[in-house]
Structure formats: structure tokens, C-alpha cells
Amino acid sequence: MQTEGLMINLPSYSIDNRYKSSEQIKLYGALLALGIQWRNITTHSEAKNVLDEEFVKILLDNKEWYYTNFCHLAIDAALDHFNAHKSPSLKETTSIIKAVLRFIELVDTELIRELDTERYLSELFEEHFSIEEKQKDKRALNLTLTKERQISMVKNILLSNGYTYTDGSDGFDIDDEFLNKYLTYPTK
């Protein structure tokens, strides 16, 4: 069974088509695609997987980038090992793992940029402070906390639900308006 390229089955588009603006996604994705095919040929003895020509071209056209960013990874040697159906070296394996992790970070960043933050935050805080009677009291108690403690609590909720906190980022401000909006019990 041959996998043609790196396609994520989302409604009629691939990661490559969706994120054309990110050259790094393509670079990491090409090494990831090599890893997927390599895994298949080393795991399945009769596998005849080949790497899509588009990914081969990306790898070969960017040999220096891989060499610099993956501790002297030699793309020519990696492709030779792959084509000879040899097991990857430790350097090749760790480079593929690093590419997988970085690829996921980049895709995750792109997806979060598209996230409807307002809706996500509303649902997140509604889940955290359920509408049960005992939680109404908990929300009311939050208003008696110092502003610093409220901000700390909000950051902890966000951090435990997929957000990261970076000073000077282009995120949202946790200000009085934010605190009043998300920490008070909604009156309906």
C-alpha cells in the first residue's frame, strides 16, 4: 500500500493546500513523509512504498537547511538508506522525530490562529464553572479574589486547556473586561 504524499483527510483539502503560506510546514512535512514511508517499508517486509517525488524534490532542494537544522543530517544518505530499504540511523530517526514534533507545533499554531477565540473561551469557562448551584457560589467567590489572583486563575485554566502564555505575544489581554465577562455568573 502506497501513501501518496502527506494528506490529512479533512473535508477536501490537504495540509499542503491549506498552509501554502508556511514554507517550514512543507520542509518539516517532507521529512515527516519520509518517516511515514520509511516506517512502512521497515515494518512490512513486502512493502514497496516510495516517497512522492514532490517530497523528494523538497528534501533535495533544501539539503543545506536540513543539514543546519538537524545536526548535520545528510539528506542524500538518508534517501539512499530509504531506497535500499535499510533501517534508519539514529541521527535519521531522531531527525524524523524532531520533524514530527515541529510539524505538529506549526500545524497547531495555524489551527489556533483560525480558532474562534470568543466562542472557545465562552465554552471553556462555561464548562469550568458549570451552571449547578454550587458553582454559582464559586463564581461569586472569584469576584472577591484580588485581581492578580483572578488573572492567575484564568491563566491556569487556559494553560490546562491548550493555551500557552508568552510575554509580549499577540494574544488577548486578561483585563477587567475579560475578568468580568468570563468570571461572573451570566444573568439570563
Protein backbone atom coordinates (compact mmCIF):
# COMPACT_ATOMS: atom_id res chain seq x y z
CA MET A 1 0.00 0.00 0.00
CA GLN A 2 1.50 3.33 -1.01
CA THR A 3 0.66 6.60 0.63
CA GLU A 4 0.79 9.40 -1.90
CA GLY A 5 2.13 12.45 -0.19
CA LEU A 6 1.13 13.63 3.21
CA MET A 7 -2.62 14.08 3.15
CA ILE A 8 -4.73 14.60 6.22
CA ASN A 9 -8.30 13.62 5.44
CA LEU A 10 -10.15 16.79 6.20
CA PRO A 11 -13.01 17.98 4.01
CA SER A 12 -11.43 18.19 0.53
CA TYR A 13 -8.08 19.78 1.35
CA SER A 14 -4.66 18.69 2.40
CA ILE A 15 -2.28 20.24 4.89
CA ASP A 16 -0.14 21.29 1.93
CA ASN A 17 -3.03 23.13 0.26
CA ARG A 18 -4.30 24.66 3.46
CA TYR A 19 -0.96 26.03 4.64
CA LYS A 20 0.77 27.08 1.44
CA SER A 21 1.98 30.22 3.18
CA SER A 22 4.16 28.29 5.59
CA GLU A 23 7.33 27.10 3.90
CA GLN A 24 8.52 25.49 7.13
CA ILE A 25 5.48 23.23 7.24
CA LYS A 26 6.49 21.90 3.82
CA LEU A 27 10.09 21.37 4.94
CA TYR A 28 9.12 19.51 8.11
CA GLY A 29 6.30 17.75 6.25
CA ALA A 30 8.69 16.34 3.64
CA LEU A 31 10.87 14.77 6.34
CA LEU A 32 7.72 13.54 8.08
CA ALA A 33 6.54 11.95 4.82
CA LEU A 34 9.92 10.22 4.51
CA GLY A 35 9.44 8.91 8.05
CA ILE A 36 5.97 7.56 7.29
CA GLN A 37 7.15 5.72 4.19
CA TRP A 38 10.29 4.51 5.94
CA ARG A 39 8.27 3.13 8.81
CA ASN A 40 6.09 1.21 6.35
CA ILE A 41 8.99 -0.41 4.49
CA THR A 42 10.82 -1.37 7.69
CA THR A 43 7.67 -2.68 9.40
CA HIS A 44 6.11 -4.56 6.49
CA SER A 45 8.58 -6.89 4.79
CA GLU A 46 6.77 -6.89 1.44
CA ALA A 47 6.06 -3.14 1.35
CA LYS A 48 7.02 -1.34 -1.84
CA ASN A 49 6.46 2.20 -0.58
CA VAL A 50 8.14 5.03 -2.42
CA LEU A 51 8.44 8.64 -1.42
CA ASP A 52 6.35 11.03 -3.50
CA GLU A 53 8.51 12.97 -5.98
CA GLU A 54 7.30 16.29 -4.57
CA PHE A 55 8.75 15.38 -1.18
CA VAL A 56 11.98 14.08 -2.72
CA LYS A 57 12.34 17.42 -4.51
CA ILE A 58 11.72 19.39 -1.30
CA LEU A 59 14.29 17.28 0.56
CA LEU A 60 16.95 17.56 -2.15
CA ASP A 61 16.35 21.26 -2.83
CA ASN A 62 16.77 22.04 0.87
CA LYS A 63 19.68 19.77 1.82
CA GLU A 64 21.56 22.63 3.48
CA TRP A 65 18.55 23.60 5.61
CA TYR A 66 18.21 20.02 6.86
CA TYR A 67 21.96 19.80 7.45
CA THR A 68 21.88 23.01 9.51
CA ASN A 69 18.63 22.41 11.40
CA PHE A 70 19.00 18.68 12.06
CA CYS A 71 22.55 18.37 13.42
CA HIS A 72 24.27 17.58 10.10
CA LEU A 73 21.59 15.29 8.69
CA ALA A 74 22.73 14.17 5.23
CA ILE A 75 19.60 14.01 3.08
CA ASP A 76 21.36 12.15 0.24
CA ALA A 77 22.46 9.41 2.64
CA ALA A 78 19.01 9.24 4.24
CA LEU A 79 17.33 8.85 0.84
CA ASP A 80 19.89 6.19 -0.15
CA HIS A 81 19.18 4.24 3.06
CA PHE A 82 15.44 4.59 2.48
CA ASN A 83 15.63 3.47 -1.17
CA ALA A 84 17.81 0.49 -0.17
CA HIS A 85 15.18 -0.48 2.42
CA LYS A 86 17.74 -0.18 5.22
CA SER A 87 16.81 0.80 8.74
CA PRO A 88 17.31 4.48 9.51
CA SER A 89 20.34 5.51 11.53
CA LEU A 90 19.94 7.02 14.98
CA LYS A 91 20.51 10.51 13.51
CA GLU A 92 17.88 9.89 10.81
CA THR A 93 15.41 8.56 13.37
CA THR A 94 15.87 11.45 15.79
CA SER A 95 15.66 13.93 12.90
CA ILE A 96 12.35 12.45 11.78
CA ILE A 97 11.03 12.58 15.35
CA LYS A 98 12.10 16.22 15.65
CA ALA A 99 10.39 16.98 12.31
CA VAL A 100 7.18 15.31 13.50
CA LEU A 101 7.14 17.36 16.70
CA ARG A 102 7.92 20.63 14.92
CA PHE A 103 5.35 19.88 12.17
CA ILE A 104 2.66 19.34 14.82
CA GLU A 105 3.63 22.59 16.57
CA LEU A 106 3.35 24.53 13.31
CA VAL A 107 0.03 22.99 12.28
CA ASP A 108 -1.30 23.51 15.80
CA THR A 109 -0.25 27.17 15.64
CA GLU A 110 -2.02 27.60 12.31
CA LEU A 111 -5.19 25.94 13.60
CA ILE A 112 -5.22 28.04 16.76
CA ARG A 113 -4.93 31.20 14.64
CA GLU A 114 -8.18 30.16 12.97
CA LEU A 115 -9.89 29.36 16.26
CA ASP A 116 -12.95 31.40 17.18
CA THR A 117 -11.41 32.54 20.45
CA GLU A 118 -14.56 34.19 21.77
CA ARG A 119 -16.61 31.03 21.34
CA TYR A 120 -13.86 28.78 22.68
CA LEU A 121 -13.36 30.90 25.80
CA SER A 122 -17.10 31.08 26.47
CA GLU A 123 -17.44 27.30 26.21
CA LEU A 124 -14.27 26.72 28.23
CA PHE A 125 -15.37 28.88 31.14
CA GLU A 126 -18.94 27.55 31.00
CA GLU A 127 -17.52 24.05 31.32
CA HIS A 128 -15.15 25.07 34.10
CA PHE A 129 -17.91 26.87 36.01
CA SER A 130 -20.91 24.65 35.40
CA ILE A 131 -24.36 26.12 35.94
CA GLU A 132 -25.00 23.98 39.01
CA GLU A 133 -25.97 25.89 42.17
CA LYS A 134 -22.73 25.10 44.00
CA GLN A 135 -20.74 26.53 41.08
CA LYS A 136 -22.71 29.81 41.17
CA ASP A 137 -21.26 30.37 44.62
CA LYS A 138 -17.79 29.51 43.34
CA ARG A 139 -18.08 32.12 40.58
CA ALA A 140 -19.30 34.72 43.04
CA LEU A 141 -16.33 33.92 45.28
CA ASN A 142 -13.97 34.55 42.34
CA LEU A 143 -15.06 38.19 42.34
CA THR A 144 -13.76 38.60 45.91
CA LEU A 145 -10.27 37.48 44.90
CA THR A 146 -7.61 40.06 44.15
CA LYS A 147 -7.19 40.98 40.52
CA GLU A 148 -3.78 39.26 40.48
CA ARG A 149 -5.33 36.05 41.83
CA GLN A 150 -8.16 36.22 39.27
CA ILE A 151 -5.62 36.65 36.45
CA SER A 152 -3.57 33.76 37.82
CA MET A 153 -6.69 31.56 37.96
CA VAL A 154 -7.65 32.45 34.37
CA LYS A 155 -4.11 31.72 33.15
CA ASN A 156 -4.16 28.34 34.90
CA ILE A 157 -7.50 27.45 33.30
CA LEU A 158 -6.20 28.48 29.88
CA LEU A 159 -2.86 26.69 30.31
CA SER A 160 -4.60 23.47 31.28
CA ASN A 161 -6.80 23.70 28.16
CA GLY A 162 -4.25 24.06 25.38
CA TYR A 163 -3.19 27.70 25.57
CA THR A 164 0.36 28.81 26.12
CA TYR A 165 1.39 32.01 27.83
CA THR A 166 4.12 34.15 26.31
CA ASP A 167 5.02 37.67 27.41
CA GLY A 168 4.54 40.12 24.57
CA SER A 169 2.51 37.73 22.42
CA ASP A 170 -0.28 38.76 20.07
CA GLY A 171 -2.83 37.02 22.27
CA PHE A 172 -5.63 38.62 24.21
CA ASP A 173 -5.42 40.80 27.31
CA ILE A 174 -6.70 39.45 30.58
CA ASP A 175 -8.04 42.79 31.77
CA ASP A 176 -11.02 43.93 33.87
CA GLU A 177 -13.39 43.49 30.92
CA PHE A 178 -12.14 39.94 30.33
CA LEU A 179 -12.42 39.03 34.01
CA ASN A 180 -15.93 40.45 34.32
CA LYS A 181 -17.05 38.69 31.17
CA TYR A 182 -15.76 35.21 32.00
CA LEU A 183 -15.64 35.06 35.79
CA THR A 184 -19.09 36.37 36.64
CA TYR A 185 -22.16 34.22 36.51
CA PRO A 186 -24.14 35.04 33.36
CA THR A 187 -27.51 36.55 34.12
CA LYS A 188 -30.04 35.19 31.69
